[in-house]
Amino acid sequence: MGQKTFLAVLIIFLAFPFIACAHVSREGAVDVRIVSDHGSEFTKFRTYPRFRQEGRYFYVEASKGERYSIQVTNTSNRRVGVVISVDGRNIIDGKKSDLKGRERMYIIGPYETNTFEGWRTAMDRINRFYFTEQSDSYAEKVFADGSAMGTIAVAVFREKFPEVVPFHDRPSVMKEAPAASAAPRASGESLSADKAERKKSEQAGTGFGETTYSPSRYVQFEPEGSPVERIVMKYEWRSELCKKGIINCGSKNRLWPEGHEFAPVPRDFRG
């Protein structure tokens, strides 16, 4: 009747598609930080897409070779499910992610913070995230998928309250959730013909690092039909952020203090 489900340190759930009313996205459902193993947060910069899109968007300065974790804090008084993708792949099963409620997700309790350190390859282990070149990334090496390279995306789903039905109606029965899959394997996704061309650019990607103990268990959770929030982060090397003008990388004059400029005098001024 009920559905058996999972987390100990982390909670995972395989959601099924449900019909529900859409919600207007509201900022602040969760707080997302990308943190290094040293405990510091990788700098992020708010950006706004040229064409209006749902969600919050950021650039993040990546550091080559650095291990990182995705820290998500639930700022609400309700449980939420979070679908997390890195380089376009769901971090639980490695499948291509569209940030939908039918995908595998982690469950976070009210006002709790969970830290996700890598790709889940079993109920009790993950393989660490680290910043690397695109050709060394998990998405590229295993799936030849560069369609969402250099992105960390989080879709937040609130828990669906059970429907109140008349006592004479037959109660709805939840479906049985399948057990967690083992380490993801490359599927029949075709190898891209422009793989060599992508290698030339070598944008930032996320690698498949060392194995780490990370226990999990099933829990019962039914998500609402639409995410209450979407957060997408595009991580780039510092040099790329400089080119895009996201950060000011111009050299400073060691003898001329900035912030004390005056209006320039025209060359032909004779006063």
Protein backbone atom coordinates (compact mmCIF):
# COMPACT_ATOMS: atom_id res chain seq x y z
CA MET A 1 0.00 0.00 0.00
CA GLY A 2 2.59 2.49 1.07
CA GLN A 3 5.71 3.14 -0.81
CA LYS A 4 9.11 2.25 0.62
CA THR A 5 11.62 4.95 0.27
CA PHE A 6 15.47 6.48 1.21
CA LEU A 7 18.32 8.72 3.13
CA ALA A 8 20.42 8.58 6.27
CA VAL A 9 22.60 11.47 5.62
CA LEU A 10 20.93 12.08 2.27
CA ILE A 11 17.42 11.16 1.15
CA ILE A 12 16.62 9.92 -2.33
CA PHE A 13 13.27 9.42 -3.98
CA LEU A 14 12.15 8.30 -7.40
CA ALA A 15 9.16 10.50 -8.18
CA PHE A 16 6.33 9.50 -10.47
CA PRO A 17 4.55 11.94 -12.78
CA PHE A 18 1.50 13.43 -11.07
CA ILE A 19 -1.19 15.83 -12.22
CA ALA A 20 -1.25 18.97 -10.10
CA CYS A 21 -1.84 22.69 -10.31
CA ALA A 22 1.11 24.81 -11.35
CA HIS A 23 2.66 27.21 -8.86
CA VAL A 24 4.09 30.66 -9.37
CA SER A 25 7.83 30.49 -8.75
CA ARG A 26 8.96 32.26 -5.58
CA GLU A 27 12.52 33.06 -4.67
CA GLY A 28 13.85 31.75 -1.43
CA ALA A 29 12.46 28.20 -1.29
CA VAL A 30 16.04 27.01 -0.87
CA ASP A 31 19.50 28.49 -0.57
CA VAL A 32 22.17 26.86 -2.76
CA ARG A 33 25.91 27.23 -2.23
CA ILE A 34 28.83 25.59 -4.03
CA VAL A 35 31.51 24.93 -1.41
CA SER A 36 35.06 23.62 -1.53
CA ASP A 37 36.51 20.95 0.74
CA HIS A 38 38.18 23.81 2.62
CA GLY A 39 34.74 25.09 3.61
CA SER A 40 34.80 28.26 1.51
CA GLU A 41 32.05 29.11 -0.96
CA PHE A 42 32.92 29.48 -4.63
CA THR A 43 32.07 33.03 -5.65
CA LYS A 44 28.81 33.36 -7.55
CA PHE A 45 27.43 36.31 -9.51
CA ARG A 46 23.73 36.90 -10.17
CA THR A 47 22.86 37.20 -13.85
CA TYR A 48 19.67 37.71 -15.83
CA PRO A 49 19.02 35.88 -19.14
CA ARG A 50 18.43 38.03 -22.20
CA PHE A 51 15.09 36.29 -22.71
CA ARG A 52 12.82 35.87 -19.70
CA GLN A 53 13.08 32.40 -18.20
CA GLU A 54 11.80 30.86 -14.98
CA GLY A 55 14.33 30.63 -12.18
CA ARG A 56 17.40 32.26 -10.71
CA TYR A 57 20.65 32.28 -12.71
CA PHE A 58 24.23 32.71 -11.54
CA TYR A 59 27.80 32.50 -12.78
CA VAL A 60 30.22 30.67 -10.51
CA GLU A 61 33.99 30.96 -10.57
CA ALA A 62 35.41 27.42 -10.76
CA SER A 63 38.89 26.40 -9.66
CA LYS A 64 40.52 23.68 -11.77
CA GLY A 65 41.09 20.40 -9.91
CA GLU A 66 39.18 21.55 -6.82
CA ARG A 67 36.69 19.13 -5.20
CA TYR A 68 33.35 20.71 -4.48
CA SER A 69 29.97 20.00 -2.87
CA ILE A 70 26.47 21.35 -3.47
CA GLN A 71 24.98 22.62 -0.21
CA VAL A 72 21.21 23.08 -0.21
CA THR A 73 19.28 24.63 2.67
CA ASN A 74 15.49 24.29 2.85
CA THR A 75 14.27 27.68 4.07
CA SER A 76 10.62 26.59 4.33
CA ASN A 77 8.56 24.79 6.98
CA ARG A 78 7.71 21.93 4.59
CA ARG A 79 9.71 19.04 3.21
CA VAL A 80 10.97 19.60 -0.31
CA GLY A 81 12.36 17.33 -2.99
CA VAL A 82 15.29 18.61 -5.04
CA VAL A 83 16.24 17.36 -8.49
CA ILE A 84 19.93 18.18 -8.92
CA SER A 85 21.80 17.98 -12.19
CA VAL A 86 25.47 18.59 -12.93
CA ASP A 87 26.49 19.11 -16.56
CA GLY A 88 22.93 18.12 -17.45
CA ARG A 89 23.02 14.69 -15.72
CA ASN A 90 20.97 13.75 -12.65
CA ILE A 91 23.45 13.24 -9.80
CA ILE A 92 21.59 10.16 -8.46
CA ASP A 93 21.28 7.97 -11.54
CA GLY A 94 23.37 9.78 -14.17
CA LYS A 95 20.45 10.09 -16.58
CA LYS A 96 19.90 13.17 -18.73
CA SER A 97 17.96 15.65 -16.62
CA ASP A 98 15.20 18.06 -17.58
CA LEU A 99 14.62 19.02 -13.92
CA LYS A 100 11.21 17.31 -13.88
CA GLY A 101 9.31 15.83 -10.95
CA ARG A 102 9.44 12.33 -12.42
CA GLU A 103 13.22 12.19 -11.90
CA ARG A 104 15.16 10.85 -8.93
CA MET A 105 15.41 13.47 -6.20
CA TYR A 106 16.79 14.08 -2.73
CA ILE A 107 14.43 14.99 0.14
CA ILE A 108 15.27 17.78 2.59
CA GLY A 109 13.33 18.35 5.82
CA PRO A 110 12.03 21.75 7.00
CA TYR A 111 14.88 24.21 7.66
CA GLU A 112 17.46 21.46 7.15
CA THR A 113 20.70 21.65 5.16
CA ASN A 114 21.99 18.73 3.08
CA THR A 115 25.36 18.56 1.36
CA PHE A 116 25.75 16.60 -1.87
CA GLU A 117 29.35 15.69 -2.60
CA GLY A 118 29.23 13.55 -5.73
CA TRP A 119 27.59 11.16 -8.17
CA ARG A 120 25.59 8.46 -6.37
CA THR A 121 26.77 5.00 -7.44
CA ALA A 122 25.16 2.92 -4.66
CA MET A 123 22.99 3.27 -1.56
CA ASP A 124 26.08 3.81 0.58
CA ARG A 125 28.59 5.55 -1.69
CA ILE A 126 29.17 8.41 -4.06
CA ASN A 127 32.04 9.51 -6.29
CA ARG A 128 33.26 13.03 -5.69
CA PHE A 129 32.63 16.12 -7.80
CA TYR A 130 35.67 18.07 -8.94
CA PHE A 131 36.20 20.84 -11.48
CA THR A 132 38.05 19.68 -14.58
CA GLU A 133 38.28 20.09 -18.35
CA GLN A 134 35.29 19.11 -20.47
CA SER A 135 37.13 16.13 -21.98
CA ASP A 136 37.67 14.71 -18.47
CA SER A 137 34.12 15.36 -17.28
CA TYR A 138 31.77 12.52 -16.33
CA ALA A 139 29.10 13.68 -18.80
CA GLU A 140 31.58 13.74 -21.68
CA LYS A 141 33.54 10.55 -20.92
CA VAL A 142 30.55 8.30 -20.15
CA PHE A 143 27.71 9.79 -22.20
CA ALA A 144 29.45 12.02 -24.80
CA ASP A 145 26.99 14.69 -23.68
CA GLY A 146 28.07 18.31 -23.74
CA SER A 147 24.57 19.76 -24.10
CA ALA A 148 24.57 21.31 -20.61
CA MET A 149 28.28 21.35 -19.83
CA GLY A 150 29.41 23.58 -16.98
CA THR A 151 26.03 23.84 -15.24
CA ILE A 152 24.75 23.00 -11.78
CA ALA A 153 20.95 23.11 -11.68
CA VAL A 154 18.45 22.57 -8.86
CA ALA A 155 14.67 22.22 -9.22
CA VAL A 156 12.69 22.40 -5.96
CA PHE A 157 9.43 20.51 -5.48
CA ARG A 158 7.22 20.94 -2.44
CA GLU A 159 5.55 17.92 -0.90
CA LYS A 160 2.05 17.31 -2.16
CA PHE A 161 -0.56 17.22 0.57
CA PRO A 162 -2.84 14.16 0.44
CA GLU A 163 -6.23 14.73 -1.15
CA VAL A 164 -9.23 14.87 1.15
CA VAL A 165 -11.80 12.42 -0.24
CA PRO A 166 -15.29 11.47 0.96
CA PHE A 167 -15.28 8.43 3.24
CA HIS A 168 -17.40 6.41 0.81
CA ASP A 169 -14.88 6.86 -2.03
CA ARG A 170 -12.16 4.35 -2.54
CA PRO A 171 -8.88 5.79 -1.23
CA SER A 172 -6.05 6.30 -3.67
CA VAL A 173 -3.13 3.93 -3.45
CA MET A 174 0.42 5.11 -3.93
CA LYS A 175 2.62 3.25 -6.38
CA GLU A 176 5.53 1.15 -5.22
CA ALA A 177 8.90 2.85 -5.73
CA PRO A 178 11.54 0.70 -7.37
CA ALA A 179 14.81 0.11 -5.55
CA ALA A 180 17.78 2.35 -6.16
CA SER A 181 19.75 1.51 -9.24
CA ALA A 182 23.43 0.68 -9.09
CA ALA A 183 26.15 2.74 -10.74
CA PRO A 184 24.85 4.36 -13.92
CA ARG A 185 26.04 2.92 -17.22
CA ALA A 186 26.31 4.59 -20.57
CA SER A 187 23.11 4.04 -22.51
CA GLY A 188 22.47 3.98 -26.22
CA GLU A 189 22.96 7.74 -26.48
CA SER A 190 24.94 8.22 -29.67
CA LEU A 191 28.45 9.62 -29.64
CA SER A 192 28.49 13.16 -30.92
CA ALA A 193 30.21 13.77 -34.25
CA ASP A 194 31.59 17.09 -33.09
CA LYS A 195 33.41 15.64 -30.06
CA ALA A 196 36.77 16.74 -31.44
CA GLU A 197 35.45 20.24 -31.98
CA ARG A 198 34.20 20.47 -28.39
CA LYS A 199 37.58 19.35 -27.10
CA LYS A 200 39.17 22.46 -28.61
CA SER A 201 37.16 24.77 -26.37
CA GLU A 202 37.71 22.71 -23.20
CA GLN A 203 35.19 24.55 -21.08
CA ALA A 204 34.80 23.69 -17.41
CA GLY A 205 33.17 20.38 -16.48
CA THR A 206 32.76 18.07 -13.50
CA GLY A 207 34.78 14.89 -13.09
CA PHE A 208 34.02 11.51 -11.51
CA GLY A 209 36.32 11.48 -8.48
CA GLU A 210 37.24 9.10 -5.68
CA THR A 211 34.68 6.89 -3.97
CA THR A 212 33.33 8.18 -0.65
CA TYR A 213 31.03 6.56 1.93
CA SER A 214 27.60 8.22 1.88
CA PRO A 215 24.67 6.18 3.29
CA SER A 216 21.11 6.74 2.08
CA ARG A 217 17.62 5.30 2.60
CA TYR A 218 14.19 5.46 1.01
CA VAL A 219 11.50 7.78 2.36
CA GLN A 220 7.90 8.35 1.34
CA PHE A 221 7.46 11.57 -0.64
CA GLU A 222 5.02 12.69 -3.31
CA PRO A 223 6.06 15.90 -5.12
CA GLU A 224 3.75 18.55 -6.44
CA GLY A 225 3.46 18.64 -10.22
CA SER A 226 5.52 21.78 -10.81
CA PRO A 227 8.71 23.07 -9.19
CA VAL A 228 8.34 25.98 -6.83
CA GLU A 229 11.81 27.19 -7.78
CA ARG A 230 14.64 26.62 -10.27
CA ILE A 231 18.24 27.64 -9.72
CA VAL A 232 20.82 27.31 -12.49
CA MET A 233 24.52 28.05 -12.04
CA LYS A 234 26.99 28.27 -14.93
CA TYR A 235 30.50 27.65 -13.64
CA GLU A 236 33.45 28.97 -15.62
CA TRP A 237 37.20 29.34 -15.27
CA ARG A 238 38.27 32.79 -14.09
CA SER A 239 39.70 33.60 -17.53
CA GLU A 240 36.29 32.99 -19.14
CA LEU A 241 34.50 35.14 -16.57
CA CYS A 242 37.00 37.90 -17.34
CA LYS A 243 36.27 37.65 -21.09
CA LYS A 244 32.54 37.81 -20.44
CA GLY A 245 32.99 40.86 -18.21
CA ILE A 246 31.39 39.07 -15.26
CA ILE A 247 34.36 39.97 -13.10
CA ASN A 248 36.84 42.84 -13.49
CA CYS A 249 40.22 41.32 -14.21
CA GLY A 250 42.03 44.46 -15.38
CA SER A 251 45.46 45.09 -13.90
CA LYS A 252 45.62 47.73 -11.17
CA ASN A 253 48.13 50.56 -11.02
CA ARG A 254 50.10 50.10 -7.81
CA LEU A 255 50.66 53.88 -7.44
CA TRP A 256 47.23 55.19 -8.47
CA PRO A 257 44.39 54.58 -6.01
CA GLU A 258 41.06 53.78 -7.67
CA GLY A 259 37.82 55.52 -6.80
CA HIS A 260 39.21 59.05 -6.72
CA GLU A 261 38.86 60.03 -10.38
CA PHE A 262 37.77 63.53 -11.50
CA ALA A 263 36.09 64.83 -14.65
CA PRO A 264 38.59 64.95 -17.56
CA VAL A 265 39.54 68.34 -19.02
CA PRO A 266 38.93 68.69 -22.79
CA ARG A 267 42.13 68.98 -24.85
CA ASP A 268 41.13 72.32 -26.43
CA PHE A 269 40.10 73.90 -23.16
CA ARG A 270 41.90 77.22 -22.59
CA GLY A 271 40.36 78.37 -19.32
